[in-house]
Amino acid sequence: MTDKLYYSIGEVAQMLGVNPSLLRFWETEFPQIKPYKNKKGTRFYNDQDIELLKRIYHLTRDCGYTLDGVRDQLRTNTHLDEKMQLVQTLTQTKEFLLALKDQL
């Protein structure tokens, strides 16, 4: 992440490549997601919220879990952080290698 403390729902949706409506839906399904809301109701997500959203995205889109399955994984899987870190590292490595290939 960057030096920002909070990100708008649009910024987070763009980071994940999803619609903001999906983030609002996940917020209703997962009580762990608690973005800060100002008086107007505008949502602002911190780094912890974004990491949780990344986990949910990974489990639903990449691993094919249902929402119930994601809830179970979030409750029981202690190695999820390590797996997410590995996936993130591999993704970054792939992007680096593809950029390097394009430069050749």
C-alpha atoms as a PDB file:
ATOM      1  CA  MET A   1       0.000   0.000   0.000  1.00  0.00           C
ATOM      2  CA  THR A   2       0.974   3.637  -0.081  1.00  0.00           C
ATOM      3  CA  ASP A   3       1.134   6.355   2.547  1.00  0.00           C
ATOM      4  CA  LYS A   4      -2.628   6.881   2.497  1.00  0.00           C
ATOM      5  CA  LEU A   5      -4.617   5.911   5.561  1.00  0.00           C
ATOM      6  CA  TYR A   6      -7.956   5.547   3.800  1.00  0.00           C
ATOM      7  CA  TYR A   7      -9.068   4.672   0.279  1.00  0.00           C
ATOM      8  CA  SER A   8     -12.410   5.413  -1.328  1.00  0.00           C
ATOM      9  CA  ILE A   9     -14.649   2.590  -2.466  1.00  0.00           C
ATOM     10  CA  GLY A  10     -13.840   3.492  -6.073  1.00  0.00           C
ATOM     11  CA  GLU A  11     -10.102   3.218  -5.451  1.00  0.00           C
ATOM     12  CA  VAL A  12     -10.476  -0.147  -3.726  1.00  0.00           C
ATOM     13  CA  ALA A  13     -12.786  -1.454  -6.448  1.00  0.00           C
ATOM     14  CA  GLN A  14     -10.222  -0.441  -9.054  1.00  0.00           C
ATOM     15  CA  MET A  15      -7.403  -2.141  -7.087  1.00  0.00           C
ATOM     16  CA  LEU A  16      -9.355  -5.394  -7.086  1.00  0.00           C
ATOM     17  CA  GLY A  17     -10.852  -5.027 -10.541  1.00  0.00           C
ATOM     18  CA  VAL A  18     -14.434  -5.298  -9.295  1.00  0.00           C
ATOM     19  CA  ASN A  19     -17.492  -3.056  -9.159  1.00  0.00           C
ATOM     20  CA  PRO A  20     -18.094  -0.974  -6.010  1.00  0.00           C
ATOM     21  CA  SER A  21     -21.447  -2.734  -5.644  1.00  0.00           C
ATOM     22  CA  LEU A  22     -19.609  -6.019  -5.032  1.00  0.00           C
ATOM     23  CA  LEU A  23     -17.650  -4.416  -2.193  1.00  0.00           C
ATOM     24  CA  ARG A  24     -20.894  -3.146  -0.642  1.00  0.00           C
ATOM     25  CA  PHE A  25     -22.381  -6.634  -0.998  1.00  0.00           C
ATOM     26  CA  TRP A  26     -19.365  -8.264   0.655  1.00  0.00           C
ATOM     27  CA  GLU A  27     -19.681  -5.747   3.471  1.00  0.00           C
ATOM     28  CA  THR A  28     -23.179  -7.107   4.186  1.00  0.00           C
ATOM     29  CA  GLU A  29     -21.975 -10.721   4.007  1.00  0.00           C
ATOM     30  CA  PHE A  30     -18.792 -10.379   6.087  1.00  0.00           C
ATOM     31  CA  PRO A  31     -19.111  -8.456   9.357  1.00  0.00           C
ATOM     32  CA  GLN A  32     -15.301  -8.275   9.546  1.00  0.00           C
ATOM     33  CA  ILE A  33     -15.364  -5.622   6.796  1.00  0.00           C
ATOM     34  CA  LYS A  34     -15.964  -2.353   8.590  1.00  0.00           C
ATOM     35  CA  PRO A  35     -15.031   0.641   6.459  1.00  0.00           C
ATOM     36  CA  TYR A  36     -15.111   4.068   8.045  1.00  0.00           C
ATOM     37  CA  LYS A  37     -18.213   5.989   6.977  1.00  0.00           C
ATOM     38  CA  ASN A  38     -18.454   9.754   7.154  1.00  0.00           C
ATOM     39  CA  LYS A  39     -21.692  11.629   7.931  1.00  0.00           C
ATOM     40  CA  LYS A  40     -22.791  11.320   4.306  1.00  0.00           C
ATOM     41  CA  GLY A  41     -22.259   7.543   4.401  1.00  0.00           C
ATOM     42  CA  THR A  42     -19.238   7.570   2.094  1.00  0.00           C
ATOM     43  CA  ARG A  43     -17.099   4.508   2.724  1.00  0.00           C
ATOM     44  CA  PHE A  44     -13.361   4.707   3.328  1.00  0.00           C
ATOM     45  CA  TYR A  45     -11.274   1.545   3.608  1.00  0.00           C
ATOM     46  CA  ASN A  46      -8.011   1.148   5.523  1.00  0.00           C
ATOM     47  CA  ASP A  47      -5.180  -1.256   4.685  1.00  0.00           C
ATOM     48  CA  GLN A  48      -6.609  -3.970   6.952  1.00  0.00           C
ATOM     49  CA  ASP A  49      -9.991  -3.799   5.188  1.00  0.00           C
ATOM     50  CA  ILE A  50      -8.271  -4.000   1.805  1.00  0.00           C
ATOM     51  CA  GLU A  51      -6.251  -7.071   2.801  1.00  0.00           C
ATOM     52  CA  LEU A  52      -9.441  -8.796   3.940  1.00  0.00           C
ATOM     53  CA  LEU A  53     -11.149  -7.881   0.666  1.00  0.00           C
ATOM     54  CA  LYS A  54      -8.169  -9.285  -1.236  1.00  0.00           C
ATOM     55  CA  ARG A  55      -8.534 -12.562   0.691  1.00  0.00           C
ATOM     56  CA  ILE A  56     -12.228 -12.735  -0.085  1.00  0.00           C
ATOM     57  CA  TYR A  57     -11.549 -11.983  -3.741  1.00  0.00           C
ATOM     58  CA  HIS A  58      -8.838 -14.658  -3.929  1.00  0.00           C
ATOM     59  CA  LEU A  59     -11.022 -17.292  -2.296  1.00  0.00           C
ATOM     60  CA  THR A  60     -14.089 -16.568  -4.414  1.00  0.00           C
ATOM     61  CA  ARG A  61     -12.529 -15.828  -7.798  1.00  0.00           C
ATOM     62  CA  ASP A  62      -9.249 -17.744  -7.803  1.00  0.00           C
ATOM     63  CA  CYS A  63     -10.147 -20.717  -5.607  1.00  0.00           C
ATOM     64  CA  GLY A  64     -13.864 -20.965  -6.451  1.00  0.00           C
ATOM     65  CA  TYR A  65     -15.198 -20.896  -2.888  1.00  0.00           C
ATOM     66  CA  THR A  66     -18.803 -20.021  -2.136  1.00  0.00           C
ATOM     67  CA  LEU A  67     -19.469 -17.261   0.378  1.00  0.00           C
ATOM     68  CA  ASP A  68     -20.136 -19.891   3.054  1.00  0.00           C
ATOM     69  CA  GLY A  69     -16.843 -21.531   2.138  1.00  0.00           C
ATOM     70  CA  VAL A  70     -15.054 -18.200   2.407  1.00  0.00           C
ATOM     71  CA  ARG A  71     -16.559 -17.633   5.855  1.00  0.00           C
ATOM     72  CA  ASP A  72     -15.289 -21.048   6.955  1.00  0.00           C
ATOM     73  CA  GLN A  73     -11.840 -20.370   5.516  1.00  0.00           C
ATOM     74  CA  LEU A  74     -11.609 -16.994   7.224  1.00  0.00           C
ATOM     75  CA  ARG A  75     -12.553 -18.608  10.534  1.00  0.00           C
ATOM     76  CA  THR A  76     -10.357 -21.681  10.355  1.00  0.00           C
ATOM     77  CA  ASN A  77      -7.452 -21.203   7.961  1.00  0.00           C
ATOM     78  CA  THR A  78      -4.454 -19.886   9.858  1.00  0.00           C
ATOM     79  CA  HIS A  79      -2.176 -20.291   6.834  1.00  0.00           C
ATOM     80  CA  LEU A  80      -4.286 -18.078   4.598  1.00  0.00           C
ATOM     81  CA  ASP A  81      -2.053 -15.042   5.136  1.00  0.00           C
ATOM     82  CA  GLU A  82       0.997 -17.015   4.047  1.00  0.00           C
ATOM     83  CA  LYS A  83      -0.786 -18.304   0.954  1.00  0.00           C
ATOM     84  CA  MET A  84      -2.030 -14.834   0.071  1.00  0.00           C
ATOM     85  CA  GLN A  85       1.488 -13.449   0.442  1.00  0.00           C
ATOM     86  CA  LEU A  86       2.817 -16.190  -1.825  1.00  0.00           C
ATOM     87  CA  VAL A  87       0.155 -15.497  -4.460  1.00  0.00           C
ATOM     88  CA  GLN A  88       0.922 -11.780  -4.292  1.00  0.00           C
ATOM     89  CA  THR A  89       4.672 -12.394  -4.637  1.00  0.00           C
ATOM     90  CA  LEU A  90       4.159 -14.726  -7.582  1.00  0.00           C
ATOM     91  CA  THR A  91       1.831 -12.240  -9.272  1.00  0.00           C
ATOM     92  CA  GLN A  92       4.359  -9.446  -8.842  1.00  0.00           C
ATOM     93  CA  THR A  93       7.126 -11.683 -10.174  1.00  0.00           C
ATOM     94  CA  LYS A  94       5.022 -12.601 -13.202  1.00  0.00           C
ATOM     95  CA  GLU A  95       4.286  -8.928 -13.913  1.00  0.00           C
ATOM     96  CA  PHE A  96       7.988  -8.104 -13.606  1.00  0.00           C
ATOM     97  CA  LEU A  97       8.993 -10.912 -15.954  1.00  0.00           C
ATOM     98  CA  LEU A  98       6.354  -9.957 -18.520  1.00  0.00           C
ATOM     99  CA  ALA A  99       7.518  -6.332 -18.418  1.00  0.00           C
ATOM    100  CA  LEU A 100      11.114  -7.510 -18.810  1.00  0.00           C
ATOM    101  CA  LYS A 101      10.114  -9.685 -21.767  1.00  0.00           C
ATOM    102  CA  ASP A 102       8.431  -6.693 -23.419  1.00  0.00           C
ATOM    103  CA  GLN A 103      11.645  -4.706 -23.087  1.00  0.00           C
ATOM    104  CA  LEU A 104      13.703  -7.331 -24.905  1.00  0.00           C
END
